[in-house]
Amino acid sequence: MKISFIIGTRPELIKVAPVIWEAKRRNIDFDIVNTGQHRELLDPYWKTFKIEPTHILDVMKAGQNLAFLTSRAIVQI
């Protein structure tokens, strides 16, 4: 079994960081997917938490609504 952590915002990374650390400690197989949703706000925090995404998506497009953002994320995942 493999777990995928899907992170698009700074609050999501802050909340899930302890779970990722515990998964590492327990040698659980996992991926970290950065949706690129708030890239400029999120980028500094990967280093702060010593976490690196294994996949980086490109879901942002100018003027898109939440439904379009969600559908782009699902397709790319």
Foldseek 3Di string as FASTA:
>chain_A
DEEEAEDADQVSCVVCLVVVVVCVVVVGHYFYEHAPNPCVHRVVVCVVSVHDGPYYHDQDDPPDDPVSSVVSSVVVD
